[in-house]
């Protein structure tokens, strides 16, 4: 029973942190509707975006590592390997949206010529 609860707690922590990181990557990607998002303007175009990302990541770290939060949510810290998996999985939304935007640019060029 304890092993099952531990796995449920781990999967919940992984899911919550992955969902938040999906949102961070999507926020960075959706700064421009059609243009690629790998330009530095993504971070400097809106002065609220970088502090918002820092704040959200800070809250996630608090949720994951603060002892009082671990007690409240019956959880434990994540290791570096878990964070690597979270970032790799969450970054897929960035890649998928960039592909979609590339296709949109190509279709728009085809209609304009």
Protein backbone atom coordinates (compact mmCIF):
# COMPACT_ATOMS: atom_id res chain seq x y z
CA UNK A 1 0.00 0.00 0.00
CA UNK A 2 2.81 2.45 0.82
CA UNK A 3 4.53 1.70 -2.48
CA UNK A 4 1.31 2.39 -4.37
CA UNK A 5 0.81 5.67 -2.50
CA UNK A 6 4.43 6.63 -3.22
CA UNK A 7 3.98 5.95 -6.93
CA UNK A 8 0.72 7.90 -7.02
CA UNK A 9 2.43 10.80 -5.27
CA UNK A 10 5.36 10.69 -7.70
CA UNK A 11 3.13 10.49 -10.76
CA UNK A 12 1.03 13.39 -9.48
CA UNK A 13 4.14 15.55 -8.89
CA UNK A 14 5.49 14.67 -12.33
CA UNK A 15 2.13 15.42 -13.96
CA UNK A 16 1.65 18.78 -12.22
CA UNK A 17 5.19 19.97 -12.95
CA UNK A 18 5.00 18.77 -16.57
CA UNK A 19 1.69 20.57 -17.09
CA UNK A 20 3.12 23.83 -15.76
CA UNK A 21 6.21 23.49 -17.95
CA UNK A 22 3.96 22.82 -20.97
CA UNK A 23 2.32 26.15 -20.21
CA UNK A 24 5.68 27.94 -19.93
CA UNK A 25 6.87 26.57 -23.28
CA UNK A 26 3.54 27.40 -24.90
CA UNK A 27 3.65 30.95 -23.52
CA UNK A 28 7.07 31.45 -25.07
CA UNK A 29 5.91 29.96 -28.34
CA UNK A 30 2.64 31.83 -28.61
CA UNK A 31 4.24 35.25 -28.34
CA UNK A 32 4.05 35.40 -32.16
CA UNK A 33 1.24 33.87 -34.19
CA UNK A 34 3.24 33.07 -37.32
CA UNK A 35 6.85 34.13 -36.72
CA UNK A 36 9.30 31.66 -35.19
CA UNK A 37 9.66 31.88 -31.42
CA UNK A 38 13.40 31.37 -31.12
CA UNK A 39 14.19 35.09 -31.52
CA UNK A 40 15.27 37.04 -28.39
CA UNK A 41 12.24 39.31 -28.89
CA UNK A 42 10.19 36.52 -27.34
CA UNK A 43 11.55 37.48 -23.93
CA UNK A 44 11.80 41.25 -24.35
CA UNK A 45 8.64 42.02 -26.31
CA UNK A 46 6.41 42.00 -23.25
CA UNK A 47 8.02 43.04 -19.96
CA UNK A 48 5.60 40.87 -17.96
CA UNK A 49 6.54 37.55 -19.56
CA UNK A 50 9.98 36.90 -17.98
CA UNK A 51 8.87 37.80 -14.43
CA UNK A 52 5.71 35.70 -14.88
CA UNK A 53 7.79 32.69 -15.95
CA UNK A 54 10.17 33.17 -13.02
CA UNK A 55 7.22 33.48 -10.64
CA UNK A 56 5.49 30.33 -11.95
CA UNK A 57 8.70 28.30 -11.82
CA UNK A 58 9.36 29.65 -8.33
CA UNK A 59 5.92 28.50 -7.19
CA UNK A 60 6.55 25.07 -8.74
CA UNK A 61 9.85 24.77 -6.91
CA UNK A 62 8.12 25.81 -3.70
CA UNK A 63 5.40 23.20 -4.30
CA UNK A 64 8.01 20.54 -5.03
CA UNK A 65 10.71 21.25 -2.45
CA UNK A 66 9.31 23.25 0.50
CA UNK A 67 8.92 20.92 3.49
CA UNK A 68 5.54 22.39 4.52
CA UNK A 69 4.22 21.83 0.98
CA UNK A 70 5.53 18.26 0.97
CA UNK A 71 3.64 17.65 4.21
CA UNK A 72 0.49 19.33 2.90
CA UNK A 73 0.51 17.38 -0.39
CA UNK A 74 2.07 14.16 0.96
CA UNK A 75 4.90 14.39 -1.55
CA UNK A 76 8.68 14.44 -1.78
CA UNK A 77 11.27 16.21 -3.89
CA UNK A 78 12.00 15.30 -7.51
CA UNK A 79 15.49 14.39 -8.63
CA UNK A 80 17.42 15.85 -11.59
CA UNK A 81 16.47 12.94 -13.86
CA UNK A 82 12.77 13.62 -13.26
CA UNK A 83 13.25 17.31 -14.11
CA UNK A 84 15.10 16.36 -17.28
CA UNK A 85 12.18 14.14 -18.33
CA UNK A 86 9.72 16.92 -17.47
CA UNK A 87 11.61 19.46 -19.59
CA UNK A 88 12.02 17.06 -22.51
CA UNK A 89 8.35 16.13 -22.55
CA UNK A 90 7.13 19.70 -22.05
CA UNK A 91 9.40 21.08 -24.76
CA UNK A 92 7.56 18.97 -27.33
CA UNK A 93 4.75 21.53 -27.32
CA UNK A 94 7.27 24.15 -28.46
CA UNK A 95 8.41 21.94 -31.35
CA UNK A 96 4.87 21.00 -32.41
CA UNK A 97 3.68 24.62 -32.42
CA UNK A 98 6.78 25.71 -34.37
CA UNK A 99 6.00 23.06 -36.99
CA UNK A 100 2.41 24.29 -37.13
CA UNK A 101 3.58 27.90 -37.55
CA UNK A 102 6.01 26.84 -40.29
CA UNK A 103 3.17 25.14 -42.16
CA UNK A 104 1.01 28.25 -41.72
CA UNK A 105 3.79 30.44 -43.15
CA UNK A 106 4.18 28.10 -46.10
CA UNK A 107 0.41 28.07 -46.75
CA UNK A 108 0.20 31.86 -46.47
CA UNK A 109 3.05 32.28 -48.95
CA UNK A 110 1.28 29.94 -51.36
CA UNK A 111 -1.92 32.01 -51.18
CA UNK A 112 -0.11 35.33 -51.59
CA UNK A 113 1.79 34.35 -54.74
